[in-house]
C-alpha atoms as a PDB file:
ATOM      1  CA  MET A   1      -0.080   0.190  -0.048  1.00  0.00           C
ATOM      2  CA  SER A   2       2.631   2.638   0.802  1.00  0.00           C
ATOM      3  CA  ILE A   3       4.268   1.688  -2.608  1.00  0.00           C
ATOM      4  CA  ILE A   4       1.210   2.655  -4.314  1.00  0.00           C
ATOM      5  CA  ALA A   5       1.209   5.780  -2.413  1.00  0.00           C
ATOM      6  CA  ARG A   6       4.737   6.525  -3.406  1.00  0.00           C
ATOM      7  CA  VAL A   7       3.619   6.221  -7.406  1.00  0.00           C
ATOM      8  CA  ILE A   8       0.311   8.227  -6.873  1.00  0.00           C
ATOM      9  CA  VAL A   9       1.296  11.210  -5.296  1.00  0.00           C
ATOM     10  CA  PRO A  10       4.477  12.301  -7.441  1.00  0.00           C
ATOM     11  CA  ALA A  11       2.407  11.381 -10.451  1.00  0.00           C
ATOM     12  CA  GLY A  12      -0.041  14.064  -9.401  1.00  0.00           C
ATOM     13  CA  ALA A  13       2.182  16.638  -8.359  1.00  0.00           C
ATOM     14  CA  ALA A  14       4.001  16.280 -12.209  1.00  0.00           C
ATOM     15  CA  LEU A  15       0.227  16.740 -13.587  1.00  0.00           C
ATOM     16  CA  ALA A  16       0.116  19.855 -11.627  1.00  0.00           C
ATOM     17  CA  VAL A  17       3.459  20.908 -12.528  1.00  0.00           C
ATOM     18  CA  PHE A  18       2.563  20.505 -16.258  1.00  0.00           C
ATOM     19  CA  ALA A  19      -0.823  22.448 -16.525  1.00  0.00           C
ATOM     20  CA  SER A  20       0.564  25.130 -14.959  1.00  0.00           C
ATOM     21  CA  PRO A  21       2.374  26.875 -17.520  1.00  0.00           C
ATOM     22  CA  SER A  22      -0.314  26.129 -20.205  1.00  0.00           C
ATOM     23  CA  VAL A  23      -3.108  27.972 -18.179  1.00  0.00           C
ATOM     24  CA  ARG A  24      -0.525  30.696 -17.647  1.00  0.00           C
ATOM     25  CA  ALA A  25       0.462  30.576 -21.650  1.00  0.00           C
ATOM     26  CA  GLN A  26      -3.462  31.057 -22.600  1.00  0.00           C
ATOM     27  CA  SER A  27      -3.747  33.984 -19.841  1.00  0.00           C
ATOM     28  CA  ALA A  28      -0.583  35.736 -21.730  1.00  0.00           C
ATOM     29  CA  ASP A  29      -2.607  35.996 -24.883  1.00  0.00           C
ATOM     30  CA  MET A  30      -5.494  37.251 -23.374  1.00  0.00           C
ATOM     31  CA  THR A  31      -6.721  40.691 -24.581  1.00  0.00           C
ATOM     32  CA  PHE A  32     -10.204  41.266 -22.524  1.00  0.00           C
ATOM     33  CA  PHE A  33     -11.486  40.781 -19.137  1.00  0.00           C
ATOM     34  CA  VAL A  34     -13.857  41.597 -16.530  1.00  0.00           C
ATOM     35  CA  THR A  35     -12.107  42.893 -13.334  1.00  0.00           C
ATOM     36  CA  SER A  36     -12.347  40.289 -10.441  1.00  0.00           C
ATOM     37  CA  SER A  37     -12.555  43.314  -8.313  1.00  0.00           C
ATOM     38  CA  GLY A  38     -12.563  47.115  -8.577  1.00  0.00           C
ATOM     39  CA  PRO A  39     -10.435  49.642  -6.362  1.00  0.00           C
ATOM     40  CA  GLY A  40     -13.133  49.568  -3.589  1.00  0.00           C
ATOM     41  CA  LYS A  41     -14.283  53.000  -3.731  1.00  0.00           C
ATOM     42  CA  GLY A  42     -17.399  52.555  -5.754  1.00  0.00           C
ATOM     43  CA  ALA A  43     -16.904  54.632  -8.743  1.00  0.00           C
ATOM     44  CA  ASP A  44     -14.770  57.097  -7.577  1.00  0.00           C
ATOM     45  CA  LEU A  45     -11.689  55.230  -9.628  1.00  0.00           C
ATOM     46  CA  GLY A  46      -8.951  57.895 -10.096  1.00  0.00           C
ATOM     47  CA  GLY A  47     -10.092  59.108 -13.050  1.00  0.00           C
ATOM     48  CA  LEU A  48      -9.301  57.438 -16.155  1.00  0.00           C
ATOM     49  CA  ASP A  49      -5.480  56.936 -15.246  1.00  0.00           C
ATOM     50  CA  GLY A  50      -6.778  54.856 -12.026  1.00  0.00           C
ATOM     51  CA  ALA A  51      -9.256  52.885 -13.768  1.00  0.00           C
ATOM     52  CA  ASP A  52      -6.112  51.811 -16.558  1.00  0.00           C
ATOM     53  CA  ALA A  53      -3.922  50.782 -13.527  1.00  0.00           C
ATOM     54  CA  GLN A  54      -6.641  48.845 -11.787  1.00  0.00           C
ATOM     55  CA  CYS A  55      -6.824  47.200 -15.294  1.00  0.00           C
ATOM     56  CA  GLN A  56      -2.812  46.794 -15.815  1.00  0.00           C
ATOM     57  CA  LYS A  57      -2.481  45.632 -12.299  1.00  0.00           C
ATOM     58  CA  LEU A  58      -5.069  42.913 -12.673  1.00  0.00           C
ATOM     59  CA  ALA A  59      -3.518  41.751 -16.298  1.00  0.00           C
ATOM     60  CA  GLN A  60      -0.304  41.437 -14.308  1.00  0.00           C
ATOM     61  CA  SER A  61      -1.475  39.310 -12.009  1.00  0.00           C
ATOM     62  CA  ALA A  62      -2.858  36.908 -14.360  1.00  0.00           C
ATOM     63  CA  GLY A  63       0.656  36.875 -16.866  1.00  0.00           C
ATOM     64  CA  ALA A  64      -0.484  39.306 -19.253  1.00  0.00           C
ATOM     65  CA  GLY A  65       1.175  42.723 -17.812  1.00  0.00           C
ATOM     66  CA  ALA A  66       3.244  43.125 -21.248  1.00  0.00           C
ATOM     67  CA  LYS A  67       0.633  44.422 -22.863  1.00  0.00           C
ATOM     68  CA  THR A  68      -1.076  48.287 -22.620  1.00  0.00           C
ATOM     69  CA  TRP A  69      -4.449  47.726 -20.707  1.00  0.00           C
ATOM     70  CA  ARG A  70      -7.149  50.365 -21.205  1.00  0.00           C
ATOM     71  CA  ALA A  71     -10.628  50.592 -19.341  1.00  0.00           C
ATOM     72  CA  TYR A  72     -13.544  50.683 -21.023  1.00  0.00           C
ATOM     73  CA  LEU A  73     -14.895  54.190 -19.846  1.00  0.00           C
ATOM     74  CA  SER A  74     -15.995  57.165 -21.242  1.00  0.00           C
ATOM     75  CA  THR A  75     -15.699  60.778 -19.718  1.00  0.00           C
ATOM     76  CA  GLN A  76     -18.243  63.567 -20.174  1.00  0.00           C
ATOM     77  CA  ALA A  77     -16.781  67.257 -21.386  1.00  0.00           C
ATOM     78  CA  ALA A  78     -15.818  69.500 -18.033  1.00  0.00           C
ATOM     79  CA  ASP A  79     -13.719  72.242 -16.635  1.00  0.00           C
ATOM     80  CA  GLY A  80     -12.236  72.870 -20.217  1.00  0.00           C
ATOM     81  CA  LYS A  81     -11.556  69.522 -20.989  1.00  0.00           C
ATOM     82  CA  SER A  82     -13.205  67.557 -23.823  1.00  0.00           C
ATOM     83  CA  ALA A  83     -15.272  64.235 -23.536  1.00  0.00           C
ATOM     84  CA  VAL A  84     -13.230  60.782 -24.085  1.00  0.00           C
ATOM     85  CA  ASN A  85     -15.218  58.172 -26.098  1.00  0.00           C
ATOM     86  CA  ALA A  86     -14.623  54.590 -24.518  1.00  0.00           C
ATOM     87  CA  ARG A  87     -14.842  53.126 -28.270  1.00  0.00           C
ATOM     88  CA  ASP A  88     -11.551  55.494 -28.884  1.00  0.00           C
ATOM     89  CA  ARG A  89      -9.204  54.035 -25.846  1.00  0.00           C
ATOM     90  CA  ILE A  90      -9.096  50.193 -26.167  1.00  0.00           C
ATOM     91  CA  GLY A  91      -7.164  49.750 -29.463  1.00  0.00           C
ATOM     92  CA  LYS A  92      -8.517  48.026 -32.795  1.00  0.00           C
ATOM     93  CA  GLY A  93      -8.911  44.614 -31.769  1.00  0.00           C
ATOM     94  CA  PRO A  94      -9.288  41.459 -32.252  1.00  0.00           C
ATOM     95  CA  TRP A  95      -9.799  40.883 -28.535  1.00  0.00           C
ATOM     96  CA  GLN A  96      -9.938  37.729 -26.610  1.00  0.00           C
ATOM     97  CA  ASN A  97     -10.939  36.257 -23.273  1.00  0.00           C
ATOM     98  CA  ALA A  98      -8.893  34.403 -20.959  1.00  0.00           C
ATOM     99  CA  LYS A  99      -9.882  31.118 -22.390  1.00  0.00           C
ATOM    100  CA  GLY A 100      -9.178  32.153 -26.039  1.00  0.00           C
ATOM    101  CA  ALA A 101     -12.478  33.002 -27.184  1.00  0.00           C
ATOM    102  CA  VAL A 102     -12.676  35.708 -29.747  1.00  0.00           C
ATOM    103  CA  ILE A 103     -15.450  38.204 -28.308  1.00  0.00           C
ATOM    104  CA  ALA A 104     -14.827  41.103 -31.193  1.00  0.00           C
ATOM    105  CA  LYS A 105     -12.874  41.382 -34.078  1.00  0.00           C
ATOM    106  CA  ASP A 106     -12.726  45.045 -34.202  1.00  0.00           C
ATOM    107  CA  VAL A 107     -14.119  48.204 -32.567  1.00  0.00           C
ATOM    108  CA  ALA A 108     -17.383  48.167 -35.043  1.00  0.00           C
ATOM    109  CA  ASP A 109     -18.416  44.346 -34.110  1.00  0.00           C
ATOM    110  CA  LEU A 110     -17.612  44.886 -30.779  1.00  0.00           C
ATOM    111  CA  HIS A 111     -20.332  47.385 -30.517  1.00  0.00           C
ATOM    112  CA  GLY A 112     -22.462  45.707 -33.592  1.00  0.00           C
ATOM    113  CA  ALA A 113     -25.242  42.913 -32.936  1.00  0.00           C
ATOM    114  CA  ALA A 114     -22.610  39.889 -33.510  1.00  0.00           C
ATOM    115  CA  ASN A 115     -20.364  40.478 -31.150  1.00  0.00           C
ATOM    116  CA  SER A 116     -19.682  37.172 -28.724  1.00  0.00           C
ATOM    117  CA  LEU A 117     -19.948  39.036 -25.280  1.00  0.00           C
ATOM    118  CA  THR A 118     -21.795  37.022 -23.068  1.00  0.00           C
ATOM    119  CA  LYS A 119     -21.949  35.802 -19.417  1.00  0.00           C
ATOM    120  CA  GLN A 120     -19.953  32.837 -20.465  1.00  0.00           C
ATOM    121  CA  THR A 121     -17.639  34.822 -22.111  1.00  0.00           C
ATOM    122  CA  ALA A 122     -17.097  38.092 -20.290  1.00  0.00           C
ATOM    123  CA  LEU A 123     -14.830  36.007 -18.013  1.00  0.00           C
ATOM    124  CA  SER A 124     -12.337  37.756 -15.475  1.00  0.00           C
ATOM    125  CA  GLU A 125      -8.566  38.095 -15.760  1.00  0.00           C
ATOM    126  CA  LYS A 126      -8.495  34.746 -13.892  1.00  0.00           C
ATOM    127  CA  GLY A 127     -10.988  33.090 -16.667  1.00  0.00           C
ATOM    128  CA  GLU A 128     -14.019  32.884 -14.290  1.00  0.00           C
ATOM    129  CA  VAL A 129     -17.572  33.995 -14.963  1.00  0.00           C
ATOM    130  CA  ILE A 130     -19.009  37.265 -13.607  1.00  0.00           C
ATOM    131  CA  ASN A 131     -22.116  36.571 -11.280  1.00  0.00           C
ATOM    132  CA  GLY A 132     -25.051  37.604 -13.095  1.00  0.00           C
ATOM    133  CA  ARG A 133     -28.783  37.642 -13.095  1.00  0.00           C
ATOM    134  CA  GLY A 134     -30.059  35.307 -10.438  1.00  0.00           C
ATOM    135  CA  ASP A 135     -26.664  34.531  -9.041  1.00  0.00           C
ATOM    136  CA  THR A 136     -25.626  35.742  -5.480  1.00  0.00           C
ATOM    137  CA  PRO A 137     -24.388  38.446  -5.233  1.00  0.00           C
ATOM    138  CA  ASN A 138     -25.005  39.759  -8.645  1.00  0.00           C
ATOM    139  CA  ARG A 139     -22.395  41.986  -9.967  1.00  0.00           C
ATOM    140  CA  HIS A 140     -23.113  42.137 -13.612  1.00  0.00           C
ATOM    141  CA  ASP A 141     -23.368  45.914 -13.489  1.00  0.00           C
ATOM    142  CA  ILE A 142     -19.696  47.414 -15.544  1.00  0.00           C
ATOM    143  CA  LEU A 143     -18.856  50.521 -15.153  1.00  0.00           C
ATOM    144  CA  THR A 144     -18.751  52.527 -18.585  1.00  0.00           C
ATOM    145  CA  GLY A 145     -20.255  56.034 -18.677  1.00  0.00           C
ATOM    146  CA  SER A 146     -21.157  55.532 -22.272  1.00  0.00           C
ATOM    147  CA  GLN A 147     -23.728  55.387 -24.677  1.00  0.00           C
ATOM    148  CA  ALA A 148     -24.585  52.073 -26.861  1.00  0.00           C
ATOM    149  CA  ASP A 149     -22.077  52.923 -29.547  1.00  0.00           C
ATOM    150  CA  GLY A 150     -19.202  53.876 -27.319  1.00  0.00           C
ATOM    151  CA  THR A 151     -19.236  57.017 -27.071  1.00  0.00           C
ATOM    152  CA  ALA A 152     -19.503  59.709 -24.277  1.00  0.00           C
ATOM    153  CA  PHE A 153     -22.709  61.211 -23.223  1.00  0.00           C
ATOM    154  CA  ALA A 154     -22.897  65.011 -23.699  1.00  0.00           C
ATOM    155  CA  ALA A 155     -22.136  67.522 -20.995  1.00  0.00           C
ATOM    156  CA  GLY A 156     -24.516  68.279 -18.046  1.00  0.00           C
ATOM    157  CA  ASP A 157     -26.262  65.396 -16.566  1.00  0.00           C
ATOM    158  CA  ASP A 158     -23.687  63.372 -14.823  1.00  0.00           C
ATOM    159  CA  LYS A 159     -23.319  59.729 -16.337  1.00  0.00           C
ATOM    160  CA  THR A 160     -19.861  59.245 -15.251  1.00  0.00           C
ATOM    161  CA  CYS A 161     -19.799  59.985 -11.338  1.00  0.00           C
ATOM    162  CA  LYS A 162     -17.792  63.234 -12.163  1.00  0.00           C
ATOM    163  CA  ASN A 163     -15.636  61.628 -14.534  1.00  0.00           C
ATOM    164  CA  TRP A 164     -14.302  58.384 -12.216  1.00  0.00           C
ATOM    165  CA  THR A 165     -13.621  60.783  -9.219  1.00  0.00           C
ATOM    166  CA  SER A 166     -16.964  60.643  -6.926  1.00  0.00           C
ATOM    167  CA  SER A 167     -18.003  57.761  -4.300  1.00  0.00           C
ATOM    168  CA  THR A 168     -21.198  59.859  -3.239  1.00  0.00           C
ATOM    169  CA  GLN A 169     -23.227  62.161  -5.498  1.00  0.00           C
ATOM    170  CA  GLY A 170     -23.853  61.470  -9.030  1.00  0.00           C
ATOM    171  CA  VAL A 171     -24.721  59.112 -11.492  1.00  0.00           C
ATOM    172  CA  ALA A 172     -22.542  56.137 -13.654  1.00  0.00           C
ATOM    173  CA  VAL A 173     -24.383  54.938 -16.555  1.00  0.00           C
ATOM    174  CA  VAL A 174     -23.334  50.720 -16.512  1.00  0.00           C
ATOM    175  CA  GLY A 175     -23.816  47.900 -18.752  1.00  0.00           C
ATOM    176  CA  HIS A 176     -25.047  44.340 -18.002  1.00  0.00           C
ATOM    177  CA  ALA A 177     -22.217  41.268 -18.675  1.00  0.00           C
ATOM    178  CA  ASP A 178     -24.498  38.714 -18.813  1.00  0.00           C
ATOM    179  CA  ARG A 179     -26.801  40.876 -21.284  1.00  0.00           C
ATOM    180  CA  GLN A 180     -29.621  40.142 -19.166  1.00  0.00           C
ATOM    181  CA  GLY A 181     -31.859  42.434 -16.813  1.00  0.00           C
ATOM    182  CA  LEU A 182     -35.578  43.012 -15.656  1.00  0.00           C
ATOM    183  CA  ARG A 183     -36.859  43.654 -19.113  1.00  0.00           C
ATOM    184  CA  ASP A 184     -37.110  41.482 -22.288  1.00  0.00           C
ATOM    185  CA  ASP A 185     -35.389  45.366 -24.005  1.00  0.00           C
ATOM    186  CA  GLU A 186     -32.484  46.518 -25.594  1.00  0.00           C
ATOM    187  CA  PRO A 187     -31.343  48.734 -22.480  1.00  0.00           C
ATOM    188  CA  SER A 188     -31.366  45.210 -20.432  1.00  0.00           C
ATOM    189  CA  LYS A 189     -29.401  43.162 -22.771  1.00  0.00           C
ATOM    190  CA  SER A 190     -26.796  46.441 -23.503  1.00  0.00           C
ATOM    191  CA  TRP A 191     -23.160  45.064 -22.121  1.00  0.00           C
ATOM    192  CA  ASN A 192     -22.281  48.644 -21.914  1.00  0.00           C
ATOM    193  CA  SER A 193     -25.401  51.080 -21.437  1.00  0.00           C
ATOM    194  CA  SER A 194     -28.026  49.466 -19.937  1.00  0.00           C
ATOM    195  CA  HIS A 195     -28.989  51.855 -16.969  1.00  0.00           C
ATOM    196  CA  PRO A 196     -27.528  54.477 -14.643  1.00  0.00           C
ATOM    197  CA  SER A 197     -26.260  53.895 -10.765  1.00  0.00           C
ATOM    198  CA  ARG A 198     -28.555  54.889  -7.865  1.00  0.00           C
ATOM    199  CA  GLY A 199     -29.183  54.638  -4.090  1.00  0.00           C
ATOM    200  CA  PRO A 200     -29.023  56.209  -0.429  1.00  0.00           C
ATOM    201  CA  ASP A 201     -25.222  57.791  -0.768  1.00  0.00           C
ATOM    202  CA  GLY A 202     -26.157  59.422  -3.524  1.00  0.00           C
ATOM    203  CA  GLY A 203     -25.353  56.873  -6.485  1.00  0.00           C
ATOM    204  CA  CYS A 204     -21.420  56.293  -6.473  1.00  0.00           C
ATOM    205  CA  SER A 205     -20.691  54.949  -3.610  1.00  0.00           C
ATOM    206  CA  GLN A 206     -19.573  51.192  -3.395  1.00  0.00           C
ATOM    207  CA  ALA A 207     -22.889  50.006  -1.622  1.00  0.00           C
ATOM    208  CA  ASP A 208     -25.010  51.913  -4.251  1.00  0.00           C
ATOM    209  CA  LEU A 209     -23.347  49.970  -6.815  1.00  0.00           C
ATOM    210  CA  LYS A 210     -23.722  46.974  -5.281  1.00  0.00           C
ATOM    211  CA  SER A 211     -27.654  47.656  -4.718  1.00  0.00           C
ATOM    212  CA  THR A 212     -28.500  48.040  -7.961  1.00  0.00           C
ATOM    213  CA  GLY A 213     -26.315  44.665  -8.809  1.00  0.00           C
ATOM    214  CA  GLY A 214     -22.654  45.525  -9.293  1.00  0.00           C
ATOM    215  CA  ASP A 215     -19.563  46.083  -7.290  1.00  0.00           C
ATOM    216  CA  GLY A 216     -17.387  48.768  -9.407  1.00  0.00           C
ATOM    217  CA  LEU A 217     -16.064  46.251 -11.962  1.00  0.00           C
ATOM    218  CA  LEU A 218     -14.577  47.273 -15.320  1.00  0.00           C
ATOM    219  CA  TYR A 219     -14.088  45.736 -18.785  1.00  0.00           C
ATOM    220  CA  CYS A 220     -10.171  45.997 -19.829  1.00  0.00           C
ATOM    221  CA  PHE A 221      -8.667  45.754 -23.282  1.00  0.00           C
ATOM    222  CA  ALA A 222      -5.691  45.358 -24.378  1.00  0.00           C
ATOM    223  CA  ALA A 223      -4.728  48.591 -26.808  1.00  0.00           C
ATOM    224  CA  ASN A 224      -1.662  47.085 -28.572  1.00  0.00           C
END
């Protein structure tokens, strides 16, 4: 019995060793993911730079840090600065998830009806499915501040929690990573422009984001 144990244990260990590089190599080819976590301050991401840094940090942890990562976020014109469109920040594509599935071949495809972004493909940097409608907790609300075509909203009414610097007052438009909502309509099925945030803290706190099915998560794309 002891001889068998000595044979089985090393064999199992060897399998684990050989499996690990394969998983790591696959993640290195990843060019799209949903963050497994946000910075933790609601929609205060530290602006676009802070959001990009969150994408870069998580990509690094998954072995894909050699790429330049950008958060899919728009900002509105304010304080003399022009608006920024999320679609203009993310490179040209194509983009694939941590398991090699292509979600879109280019920017037009990503914002068209034929993209392959679903609950099963909108994976985290770890290759894990993000909880959606019907799961506990639901985390399908992804911060974007964008219209359905990936462009910024007009200046005036806040749609970006003060350009991703507020964790209290404001509104952030979110998309549904699982393409599901309370109704069978286009906004509910939209991955990038479903509904505004809301809540008792003002709309931008971590608790507010969680109250409608979010967690301050982001879409991240490799821009190079």
